[in-house]
Amino acid sequence: MIYPKEDPEVWAKRYGIPLTPIPCDCCGKLLPYTIPFATEDWRGLISDPNAHSCGKKFDHTIVVSVNKERRESLIEAFKILQEELIDE
């Protein structure tokens, strides 16, 4: 995994990653995404670990696939899952 020194807003815009902060599951503080990262097929952001003191297990990560086939496969899987949930 690499951590490029890039502005999180620029990184998020480039890869279509939503920047909406999510509350910590422990303390409820909003955790902004501030740490860009990349792996072979994934791009993402990790929440700011200094935004709360609950520990690493409560930090949030958001990822998107940059592999077109994998992305299309995931989108199709979520559509099927949504249809199944609606039918229940």
Protein backbone atom coordinates (compact mmCIF):
# COMPACT_ATOMS: atom_id res chain seq x y z
CA MET A 1 0.00 0.00 0.00
CA ILE A 2 1.26 3.48 -0.79
CA TYR A 3 0.26 6.78 0.79
CA PRO A 4 0.64 9.53 -1.83
CA LYS A 5 1.21 13.06 -0.58
CA GLU A 6 -1.87 14.43 -2.26
CA ASP A 7 -4.63 16.75 -1.11
CA PRO A 8 -7.54 14.51 0.03
CA GLU A 9 -10.08 16.63 -1.85
CA VAL A 10 -8.16 16.33 -5.12
CA TRP A 11 -7.69 12.58 -4.56
CA ALA A 12 -11.39 12.09 -3.79
CA LYS A 13 -12.48 14.05 -6.86
CA ARG A 14 -10.09 12.15 -9.14
CA TYR A 15 -11.46 8.75 -8.07
CA GLY A 16 -15.06 9.66 -7.27
CA ILE A 17 -14.70 9.02 -3.54
CA PRO A 18 -17.33 10.69 -1.33
CA LEU A 19 -15.79 12.91 1.35
CA THR A 20 -18.75 13.02 3.73
CA PRO A 21 -17.41 12.48 7.27
CA ILE A 22 -18.90 9.52 9.14
CA PRO A 23 -19.34 9.51 12.94
CA CYS A 24 -17.08 7.32 15.05
CA ASP A 25 -18.93 4.22 16.26
CA CYS A 26 -17.52 4.77 19.75
CA CYS A 27 -17.63 8.51 20.53
CA GLY A 28 -19.83 9.88 17.72
CA LYS A 29 -17.34 12.54 16.57
CA LEU A 30 -17.31 13.12 12.81
CA LEU A 31 -14.20 11.59 11.25
CA PRO A 32 -13.02 13.47 8.15
CA TYR A 33 -11.16 11.52 5.48
CA THR A 34 -7.64 12.92 5.26
CA ILE A 35 -5.20 10.14 4.30
CA PRO A 36 -5.12 9.06 0.63
CA PHE A 37 -3.89 5.55 -0.16
CA ALA A 38 -3.55 3.23 -3.13
CA THR A 39 -3.14 -0.48 -3.74
CA GLU A 40 -2.95 -2.32 -7.04
CA ASP A 41 -6.68 -2.09 -7.91
CA TRP A 42 -8.04 0.19 -5.19
CA ARG A 43 -7.89 3.87 -4.25
CA GLY A 44 -9.22 5.23 -1.00
CA LEU A 45 -9.10 7.51 1.98
CA ILE A 46 -8.61 6.80 5.67
CA SER A 47 -10.23 8.94 8.33
CA ASP A 48 -8.08 11.31 10.40
CA PRO A 49 -6.81 9.31 13.40
CA ASN A 50 -6.36 12.57 15.34
CA ALA A 51 -10.06 13.45 15.06
CA HIS A 52 -10.85 11.24 18.07
CA SER A 53 -9.08 9.17 20.71
CA CYS A 54 -11.01 5.89 20.44
CA GLY A 55 -8.25 3.95 18.73
CA LYS A 56 -7.44 2.66 15.29
CA LYS A 57 -10.21 0.04 15.26
CA PHE A 58 -12.77 2.88 15.13
CA ASP A 59 -11.14 4.74 12.21
CA HIS A 60 -13.02 4.58 8.89
CA THR A 61 -11.76 3.68 5.43
CA ILE A 62 -13.50 4.20 2.11
CA VAL A 63 -12.30 2.52 -1.10
CA VAL A 64 -13.17 2.40 -4.78
CA SER A 65 -11.97 0.00 -7.45
CA VAL A 66 -9.95 1.36 -10.35
CA ASN A 67 -10.23 -2.00 -12.14
CA LYS A 68 -13.13 -1.56 -14.61
CA GLU A 69 -14.17 -5.23 -14.64
CA ARG A 70 -14.11 -5.51 -10.84
CA ARG A 71 -16.05 -2.25 -10.48
CA GLU A 72 -18.74 -3.41 -12.93
CA SER A 73 -18.95 -6.78 -11.16
CA LEU A 74 -19.42 -5.09 -7.78
CA ILE A 75 -22.10 -2.77 -9.17
CA GLU A 76 -23.98 -5.76 -10.59
CA ALA A 77 -23.68 -7.65 -7.27
CA PHE A 78 -25.11 -4.68 -5.36
CA LYS A 79 -28.02 -4.39 -7.82
CA ILE A 80 -28.87 -8.06 -7.25
CA LEU A 81 -28.61 -7.62 -3.48
CA GLN A 82 -30.89 -4.55 -3.60
CA GLU A 83 -33.47 -6.47 -5.63
CA GLU A 84 -33.38 -9.35 -3.12
CA LEU A 85 -33.83 -6.98 -0.19
CA ILE A 86 -36.76 -5.24 -1.89
CA ASP A 87 -38.44 -8.60 -2.58
CA GLU A 88 -38.30 -9.62 1.10
